[in-house]
Amino acid sequence: MIESKTAIKHGWGSMPHRSVSGLTTKEREAVKNGDKVFFRIDKTHYMQSGYKIVTHSPYGWDSREPTTDELTEILKSK
């Protein structure tokens, strides 16, 4: 897993224009190749983990909450 220090989340929940910006070229290529890229966020809800996993679709860059296994892997890397 790769930690992004430059990723910035825009929008939350079901907002139609939510996205992630600030990814480096290396991080973008890693996501496209199937690798996991995560970044830290400020928790705004008690159910949030404090981390997001970057996703990519034809509509652009977005993020999602990590699964339990992914969160365990993230916390072990710290």
PDB file of N, CA and C in Angstrom:
ATOM      1  N   MET A   1       0.838  -1.184   0.000  1.00  0.00           N
ATOM      2  CA  MET A   1       0.000   0.000   0.000  1.00  0.00           C
ATOM      3  C   MET A   1       0.877   1.239   0.000  1.00  0.00           C
ATOM      4  N   ILE A   2       0.406   2.250  -0.706  1.00  0.00           N
ATOM      5  CA  ILE A   2       1.135   3.506  -0.820  1.00  0.00           C
ATOM      6  C   ILE A   2       0.344   4.589  -0.088  1.00  0.00           C
ATOM      7  N   GLU A   3       1.030   5.337   0.774  1.00  0.00           N
ATOM      8  CA  GLU A   3       0.364   6.456   1.452  1.00  0.00           C
ATOM      9  C   GLU A   3       0.620   7.737   0.668  1.00  0.00           C
ATOM     10  N   SER A   4      -0.444   8.434   0.350  1.00  0.00           N
ATOM     11  CA  SER A   4      -0.342   9.719  -0.339  1.00  0.00           C
ATOM     12  C   SER A   4      -0.329  10.831   0.691  1.00  0.00           C
ATOM     13  N   LYS A   5       0.671  11.676   0.603  1.00  0.00           N
ATOM     14  CA  LYS A   5       0.756  12.840   1.495  1.00  0.00           C
ATOM     15  C   LYS A   5       0.140  14.073   0.839  1.00  0.00           C
ATOM     16  N   THR A   6      -0.223  13.962  -0.460  1.00  0.00           N
ATOM     17  CA  THR A   6      -0.692  15.131  -1.201  1.00  0.00           C
ATOM     18  C   THR A   6      -2.168  15.074  -1.590  1.00  0.00           C
ATOM     19  N   ALA A   7      -2.826  13.925  -1.394  1.00  0.00           N
ATOM     20  CA  ALA A   7      -4.226  13.774  -1.816  1.00  0.00           C
ATOM     21  C   ALA A   7      -5.152  14.650  -0.980  1.00  0.00           C
ATOM     22  N   ILE A   8      -6.147  15.217  -1.652  1.00  0.00           N
ATOM     23  CA  ILE A   8      -7.144  16.078  -1.004  1.00  0.00           C
ATOM     24  C   ILE A   8      -8.529  15.621  -1.436  1.00  0.00           C
ATOM     25  N   LYS A   9      -9.411  15.392  -0.466  1.00  0.00           N
ATOM     26  CA  LYS A   9     -10.782  14.965  -0.757  1.00  0.00           C
ATOM     27  C   LYS A   9     -11.684  16.183  -0.900  1.00  0.00           C
ATOM     28  N   HIS A  10     -12.528  16.158  -1.933  1.00  0.00           N
ATOM     29  CA  HIS A  10     -13.504  17.225  -2.174  1.00  0.00           C
ATOM     30  C   HIS A  10     -14.891  16.595  -2.187  1.00  0.00           C
ATOM     31  N   GLY A  11     -15.792  17.083  -1.370  1.00  0.00           N
ATOM     32  CA  GLY A  11     -17.157  16.563  -1.331  1.00  0.00           C
ATOM     33  C   GLY A  11     -17.281  15.319  -0.471  1.00  0.00           C
ATOM     34  N   TRP A  12     -18.498  15.032  -0.012  1.00  0.00           N
ATOM     35  CA  TRP A  12     -18.757  13.912   0.890  1.00  0.00           C
ATOM     36  C   TRP A  12     -20.046  13.212   0.521  1.00  0.00           C
ATOM     37  N   GLY A  13     -20.205  11.999   0.993  1.00  0.00           N
ATOM     38  CA  GLY A  13     -21.454  11.258   0.839  1.00  0.00           C
ATOM     39  C   GLY A  13     -21.849  11.052  -0.607  1.00  0.00           C
ATOM     40  N   SER A  14     -23.074  11.405  -0.942  1.00  0.00           N
ATOM     41  CA  SER A  14     -23.584  11.189  -2.291  1.00  0.00           C
ATOM     42  C   SER A  14     -23.494  12.447  -3.158  1.00  0.00           C
ATOM     43  N   MET A  15     -22.654  13.381  -2.783  1.00  0.00           N
ATOM     44  CA  MET A  15     -22.501  14.600  -3.584  1.00  0.00           C
ATOM     45  C   MET A  15     -22.092  14.218  -5.011  1.00  0.00           C
ATOM     46  N   PRO A  16     -22.707  14.787  -6.023  1.00  0.00           N
ATOM     47  CA  PRO A  16     -22.431  14.366  -7.398  1.00  0.00           C
ATOM     48  C   PRO A  16     -21.045  14.730  -7.903  1.00  0.00           C
ATOM     49  N   HIS A  17     -20.394  15.717  -7.322  1.00  0.00           N
ATOM     50  CA  HIS A  17     -19.095  16.148  -7.823  1.00  0.00           C
ATOM     51  C   HIS A  17     -17.972  15.883  -6.839  1.00  0.00           C
ATOM     52  N   ARG A  18     -18.124  14.875  -5.980  1.00  0.00           N
ATOM     53  CA  ARG A  18     -17.042  14.580  -5.050  1.00  0.00           C
ATOM     54  C   ARG A  18     -15.869  13.984  -5.824  1.00  0.00           C
ATOM     55  N   SER A  19     -14.662  14.235  -5.327  1.00  0.00           N
ATOM     56  CA  SER A  19     -13.475  13.784  -6.046  1.00  0.00           C
ATOM     57  C   SER A  19     -12.259  13.822  -5.126  1.00  0.00           C
ATOM     58  N   VAL A  20     -11.141  13.346  -5.667  1.00  0.00           N
ATOM     59  CA  VAL A  20      -9.847  13.417  -4.991  1.00  0.00           C
ATOM     60  C   VAL A  20      -8.890  14.124  -5.939  1.00  0.00           C
ATOM     61  N   SER A  21      -8.158  15.099  -5.433  1.00  0.00           N
ATOM     62  CA  SER A  21      -7.165  15.793  -6.252  1.00  0.00           C
ATOM     63  C   SER A  21      -5.821  15.732  -5.540  1.00  0.00           C
ATOM     64  N   GLY A  22      -4.783  16.207  -6.216  1.00  0.00           N
ATOM     65  CA  GLY A  22      -3.459  16.286  -5.608  1.00  0.00           C
ATOM     66  C   GLY A  22      -2.650  15.008  -5.673  1.00  0.00           C
ATOM     67  N   LEU A  23      -3.118  14.006  -6.415  1.00  0.00           N
ATOM     68  CA  LEU A  23      -2.362  12.760  -6.525  1.00  0.00           C
ATOM     69  C   LEU A  23      -1.157  12.955  -7.438  1.00  0.00           C
ATOM     70  N   THR A  24      -0.042  12.326  -7.078  1.00  0.00           N
ATOM     71  CA  THR A  24       1.134  12.391  -7.939  1.00  0.00           C
ATOM     72  C   THR A  24       0.940  11.433  -9.110  1.00  0.00           C
ATOM     73  N   THR A  25       1.770  11.582 -10.124  1.00  0.00           N
ATOM     74  CA  THR A  25       1.706  10.700 -11.295  1.00  0.00           C
ATOM     75  C   THR A  25       1.930   9.255 -10.874  1.00  0.00           C
ATOM     76  N   LYS A  26       2.866   9.028  -9.979  1.00  0.00           N
ATOM     77  CA  LYS A  26       3.165   7.669  -9.487  1.00  0.00           C
ATOM     78  C   LYS A  26       1.946   7.064  -8.784  1.00  0.00           C
ATOM     79  N   GLU A  27       1.259   7.868  -7.976  1.00  0.00           N
ATOM     80  CA  GLU A  27       0.076   7.387  -7.257  1.00  0.00           C
ATOM     81  C   GLU A  27      -1.061   7.077  -8.221  1.00  0.00           C
ATOM     82  N   ARG A  28      -1.262   7.916  -9.224  1.00  0.00           N
ATOM     83  CA  ARG A  28      -2.312   7.669 -10.229  1.00  0.00           C
ATOM     84  C   ARG A  28      -2.049   6.369 -10.986  1.00  0.00           C
ATOM     85  N   GLU A  29      -0.805   6.169 -11.386  1.00  0.00           N
ATOM     86  CA  GLU A  29      -0.436   4.941 -12.106  1.00  0.00           C
ATOM     87  C   GLU A  29      -0.622   3.718 -11.220  1.00  0.00           C
ATOM     88  N   ALA A  30      -0.285   3.838  -9.942  1.00  0.00           N
ATOM     89  CA  ALA A  30      -0.446   2.715  -9.008  1.00  0.00           C
ATOM     90  C   ALA A  30      -1.910   2.304  -8.902  1.00  0.00           C
ATOM     91  N   VAL A  31      -2.815   3.278  -8.771  1.00  0.00           N
ATOM     92  CA  VAL A  31      -4.247   2.967  -8.674  1.00  0.00           C
ATOM     93  C   VAL A  31      -4.734   2.304  -9.962  1.00  0.00           C
ATOM     94  N   LYS A  32      -4.316   2.832 -11.105  1.00  0.00           N
ATOM     95  CA  LYS A  32      -4.724   2.243 -12.391  1.00  0.00           C
ATOM     96  C   LYS A  32      -4.205   0.824 -12.549  1.00  0.00           C
ATOM     97  N   ASN A  33      -3.049   0.519 -11.927  1.00  0.00           N
ATOM     98  CA  ASN A  33      -2.462  -0.824 -12.013  1.00  0.00           C
ATOM     99  C   ASN A  33      -3.015  -1.774 -10.953  1.00  0.00           C
ATOM    100  N   GLY A  34      -3.956  -1.302 -10.138  1.00  0.00           N
ATOM    101  CA  GLY A  34      -4.593  -2.168  -9.148  1.00  0.00           C
ATOM    102  C   GLY A  34      -3.987  -2.115  -7.760  1.00  0.00           C
ATOM    103  N   ASP A  35      -2.983  -1.269  -7.551  1.00  0.00           N
ATOM    104  CA  ASP A  35      -2.403  -1.116  -6.220  1.00  0.00           C
ATOM    105  C   ASP A  35      -3.301  -0.235  -5.368  1.00  0.00           C
ATOM    106  N   LYS A  36      -3.128  -0.332  -4.062  1.00  0.00           N
ATOM    107  CA  LYS A  36      -3.935   0.461  -3.137  1.00  0.00           C
ATOM    108  C   LYS A  36      -3.167   1.713  -2.733  1.00  0.00           C
ATOM    109  N   VAL A  37      -3.806   2.859  -2.863  1.00  0.00           N
ATOM    110  CA  VAL A  37      -3.256   4.141  -2.418  1.00  0.00           C
ATOM    111  C   VAL A  37      -4.233   4.697  -1.396  1.00  0.00           C
ATOM    112  N   PHE A  38      -3.718   5.070  -0.221  1.00  0.00           N
ATOM    113  CA  PHE A  38      -4.588   5.609   0.823  1.00  0.00           C
ATOM    114  C   PHE A  38      -4.071   6.959   1.276  1.00  0.00           C
ATOM    115  N   PHE A  39      -4.966   7.725   1.908  1.00  0.00           N
ATOM    116  CA  PHE A  39      -4.574   9.003   2.487  1.00  0.00           C
ATOM    117  C   PHE A  39      -5.385   9.259   3.744  1.00  0.00           C
ATOM    118  N   ARG A  40      -4.851  10.117   4.579  1.00  0.00           N
ATOM    119  CA  ARG A  40      -5.468  10.430   5.873  1.00  0.00           C
ATOM    120  C   ARG A  40      -6.467  11.569   5.702  1.00  0.00           C
ATOM    121  N   ILE A  41      -7.574  11.488   6.443  1.00  0.00           N
ATOM    122  CA  ILE A  41      -8.567  12.560   6.472  1.00  0.00           C
ATOM    123  C   ILE A  41      -8.895  12.879   7.925  1.00  0.00           C
ATOM    124  N   ASP A  42      -9.453  14.034   8.152  1.00  0.00           N
ATOM    125  CA  ASP A  42      -9.967  14.370   9.479  1.00  0.00           C
ATOM    126  C   ASP A  42     -11.323  13.689   9.629  1.00  0.00           C
ATOM    127  N   LYS A  43     -11.491  12.984  10.733  1.00  0.00           N
ATOM    128  CA  LYS A  43     -12.757  12.304  10.980  1.00  0.00           C
ATOM    129  C   LYS A  43     -13.855  13.329  11.261  1.00  0.00           C
ATOM    130  N   THR A  44     -14.968  13.238  10.509  1.00  0.00           N
ATOM    131  CA  THR A  44     -16.101  14.119  10.746  1.00  0.00           C
ATOM    132  C   THR A  44     -17.287  13.345  11.309  1.00  0.00           C
ATOM    133  N   HIS A  45     -17.126  12.025  11.448  1.00  0.00           N
ATOM    134  CA  HIS A  45     -18.182  11.169  11.968  1.00  0.00           C
ATOM    135  C   HIS A  45     -17.521  10.025  12.713  1.00  0.00           C
ATOM    136  N   TYR A  46     -18.118   9.589  13.796  1.00  0.00           N
ATOM    137  CA  TYR A  46     -17.492   8.561  14.627  1.00  0.00           C
ATOM    138  C   TYR A  46     -17.313   7.219  13.914  1.00  0.00           C
ATOM    139  N   MET A  47     -18.065   6.984  12.842  1.00  0.00           N
ATOM    140  CA  MET A  47     -17.940   5.719  12.103  1.00  0.00           C
ATOM    141  C   MET A  47     -16.797   5.740  11.079  1.00  0.00           C
ATOM    142  N   GLN A  48     -16.208   6.893  10.825  1.00  0.00           N
ATOM    143  CA  GLN A  48     -15.112   6.972   9.866  1.00  0.00           C
ATOM    144  C   GLN A  48     -13.821   6.441  10.469  1.00  0.00           C
ATOM    145  N   SER A  49     -12.990   5.893   9.605  1.00  0.00           N
ATOM    146  CA  SER A  49     -11.714   5.330  10.053  1.00  0.00           C
ATOM    147  C   SER A  49     -10.612   6.378  10.148  1.00  0.00           C
ATOM    148  N   GLY A  50     -10.742   7.478   9.428  1.00  0.00           N
ATOM    149  CA  GLY A  50      -9.684   8.475   9.378  1.00  0.00           C
ATOM    150  C   GLY A  50      -8.786   8.300   8.165  1.00  0.00           C
ATOM    151  N   TYR A  51      -9.095   7.297   7.330  1.00  0.00           N
ATOM    152  CA  TYR A  51      -8.338   7.033   6.115  1.00  0.00           C
ATOM    153  C   TYR A  51      -9.301   6.817   4.958  1.00  0.00           C
ATOM    154  N   LYS A  52      -8.831   7.051   3.739  1.00  0.00           N
ATOM    155  CA  LYS A  52      -9.610   6.774   2.530  1.00  0.00           C
ATOM    156  C   LYS A  52      -8.722   6.048   1.535  1.00  0.00           C
ATOM    157  N   ILE A  53      -9.334   5.163   0.744  1.00  0.00           N
ATOM    158  CA  ILE A  53      -8.663   4.453  -0.334  1.00  0.00           C
ATOM    159  C   ILE A  53      -9.052   5.144  -1.638  1.00  0.00           C
ATOM    160  N   VAL A  54      -8.062   5.458  -2.472  1.00  0.00           N
ATOM    161  CA  VAL A  54      -8.315   6.134  -3.744  1.00  0.00           C
ATOM    162  C   VAL A  54      -8.904   5.141  -4.745  1.00  0.00           C
ATOM    163  N   THR A  55      -9.935   5.574  -5.465  1.00  0.00           N
ATOM    164  CA  THR A  55     -10.539   4.769  -6.527  1.00  0.00           C
ATOM    165  C   THR A  55     -10.512   5.568  -7.827  1.00  0.00           C
ATOM    166  N   HIS A  56     -10.631   4.843  -8.939  1.00  0.00           N
ATOM    167  CA  HIS A  56     -10.635   5.499 -10.250  1.00  0.00           C
ATOM    168  C   HIS A  56     -11.737   4.895 -11.100  1.00  0.00           C
ATOM    169  N   SER A  57     -12.430   5.742 -11.830  1.00  0.00           N
ATOM    170  CA  SER A  57     -13.465   5.293 -12.757  1.00  0.00           C
ATOM    171  C   SER A  57     -13.402   6.198 -13.984  1.00  0.00           C
ATOM    172  N   PRO A  58     -14.195   5.910 -15.008  1.00  0.00           N
ATOM    173  CA  PRO A  58     -14.209   6.802 -16.170  1.00  0.00           C
ATOM    174  C   PRO A  58     -14.626   8.232 -15.817  1.00  0.00           C
ATOM    175  N   TYR A  59     -15.228   8.414 -14.646  1.00  0.00           N
ATOM    176  CA  TYR A  59     -15.694   9.733 -14.231  1.00  0.00           C
ATOM    177  C   TYR A  59     -14.644  10.510 -13.444  1.00  0.00           C
ATOM    178  N   GLY A  60     -13.537   9.876 -13.080  1.00  0.00           N
ATOM    179  CA  GLY A  60     -12.469  10.569 -12.366  1.00  0.00           C
ATOM    180  C   GLY A  60     -11.994   9.831 -11.132  1.00  0.00           C
ATOM    181  N   TRP A  61     -11.327  10.565 -10.272  1.00  0.00           N
ATOM    182  CA  TRP A  61     -10.733  10.029  -9.043  1.00  0.00           C
ATOM    183  C   TRP A  61     -11.664  10.260  -7.866  1.00  0.00           C
ATOM    184  N   ASP A  62     -11.871   9.217  -7.060  1.00  0.00           N
ATOM    185  CA  ASP A  62     -12.741   9.313  -5.897  1.00  0.00           C
ATOM    186  C   ASP A  62     -12.097   8.510  -4.779  1.00  0.00           C
ATOM    187  N   SER A  63     -12.814   8.328  -3.677  1.00  0.00           N
ATOM    188  CA  SER A  63     -12.270   7.563  -2.558  1.00  0.00           C
ATOM    189  C   SER A  63     -13.389   6.829  -1.842  1.00  0.00           C
ATOM    190  N   ARG A  64     -12.985   5.845  -1.053  1.00  0.00           N
ATOM    191  CA  ARG A  64     -13.928   5.052  -0.282  1.00  0.00           C
ATOM    192  C   ARG A  64     -13.296   4.701   1.056  1.00  0.00           C
ATOM    193  N   GLU A  65     -14.114   4.255   1.990  1.00  0.00           N
ATOM    194  CA  GLU A  65     -13.625   3.787   3.277  1.00  0.00           C
ATOM    195  C   GLU A  65     -12.867   2.469   3.078  1.00  0.00           C
ATOM    196  N   PRO A  66     -11.787   2.254   3.795  1.00  0.00           N
ATOM    197  CA  PRO A  66     -11.088   0.974   3.685  1.00  0.00           C
ATOM    198  C   PRO A  66     -11.880  -0.156   4.348  1.00  0.00           C
ATOM    199  N   THR A  67     -11.700  -1.372   3.830  1.00  0.00           N
ATOM    200  CA  THR A  67     -12.304  -2.543   4.469  1.00  0.00           C
ATOM    201  C   THR A  67     -11.557  -2.806   5.773  1.00  0.00           C
ATOM    202  N   THR A  68     -12.044  -3.716   6.581  1.00  0.00           N
ATOM    203  CA  THR A  68     -11.388  -4.051   7.849  1.00  0.00           C
ATOM    204  C   THR A  68      -9.971  -4.555   7.610  1.00  0.00           C
ATOM    205  N   ASP A  69      -9.796  -5.426   6.613  1.00  0.00           N
ATOM    206  CA  ASP A  69      -8.466  -5.949   6.306  1.00  0.00           C
ATOM    207  C   ASP A  69      -7.526  -4.851   5.820  1.00  0.00           C
ATOM    208  N   GLU A  70      -8.037  -3.952   4.980  1.00  0.00           N
ATOM    209  CA  GLU A  70      -7.213  -2.845   4.489  1.00  0.00           C
ATOM    210  C   GLU A  70      -6.823  -1.910   5.629  1.00  0.00           C
ATOM    211  N   LEU A  71      -7.756  -1.631   6.531  1.00  0.00           N
ATOM    212  CA  LEU A  71      -7.472  -0.752   7.663  1.00  0.00           C
ATOM    213  C   LEU A  71      -6.411  -1.380   8.568  1.00  0.00           C
ATOM    214  N   THR A  72      -6.488  -2.681   8.776  1.00  0.00           N
ATOM    215  CA  THR A  72      -5.473  -3.378   9.568  1.00  0.00           C
ATOM    216  C   THR A  72      -4.103  -3.233   8.925  1.00  0.00           C
ATOM    217  N   GLU A  73      -4.035  -3.386   7.612  1.00  0.00           N
ATOM    218  CA  GLU A  73      -2.783  -3.249   6.871  1.00  0.00           C
ATOM    219  C   GLU A  73      -2.242  -1.807   6.974  1.00  0.00           C
ATOM    220  N   ILE A  74      -3.129  -0.828   6.872  1.00  0.00           N
ATOM    221  CA  ILE A  74      -2.721   0.574   6.989  1.00  0.00           C
ATOM    222  C   ILE A  74      -2.144   0.845   8.365  1.00  0.00           C
ATOM    223  N   LEU A  75      -2.820   0.397   9.399  1.00  0.00           N
ATOM    224  CA  LEU A  75      -2.372   0.653  10.766  1.00  0.00           C
ATOM    225  C   LEU A  75      -1.066  -0.065  11.080  1.00  0.00           C
ATOM    226  N   LYS A  76      -0.838  -1.228  10.482  1.00  0.00           N
ATOM    227  CA  LYS A  76       0.428  -1.944  10.681  1.00  0.00           C
ATOM    228  C   LYS A  76       1.586  -1.213  10.032  1.00  0.00           C
ATOM    229  N   SER A  77       1.322  -0.493   8.951  1.00  0.00           N
ATOM    230  CA  SER A  77       2.386   0.228   8.246  1.00  0.00           C
ATOM    231  C   SER A  77       2.807   1.496   8.968  1.00  0.00           C
ATOM    232  N   LYS A  78       2.049   1.897   9.962  1.00  0.00           N
ATOM    233  CA  LYS A  78       2.349   3.141  10.701  1.00  0.00           C
ATOM    234  C   LYS A  78       3.391   2.902  11.751  1.00  0.00           C
TER     235      LYS A  78
END
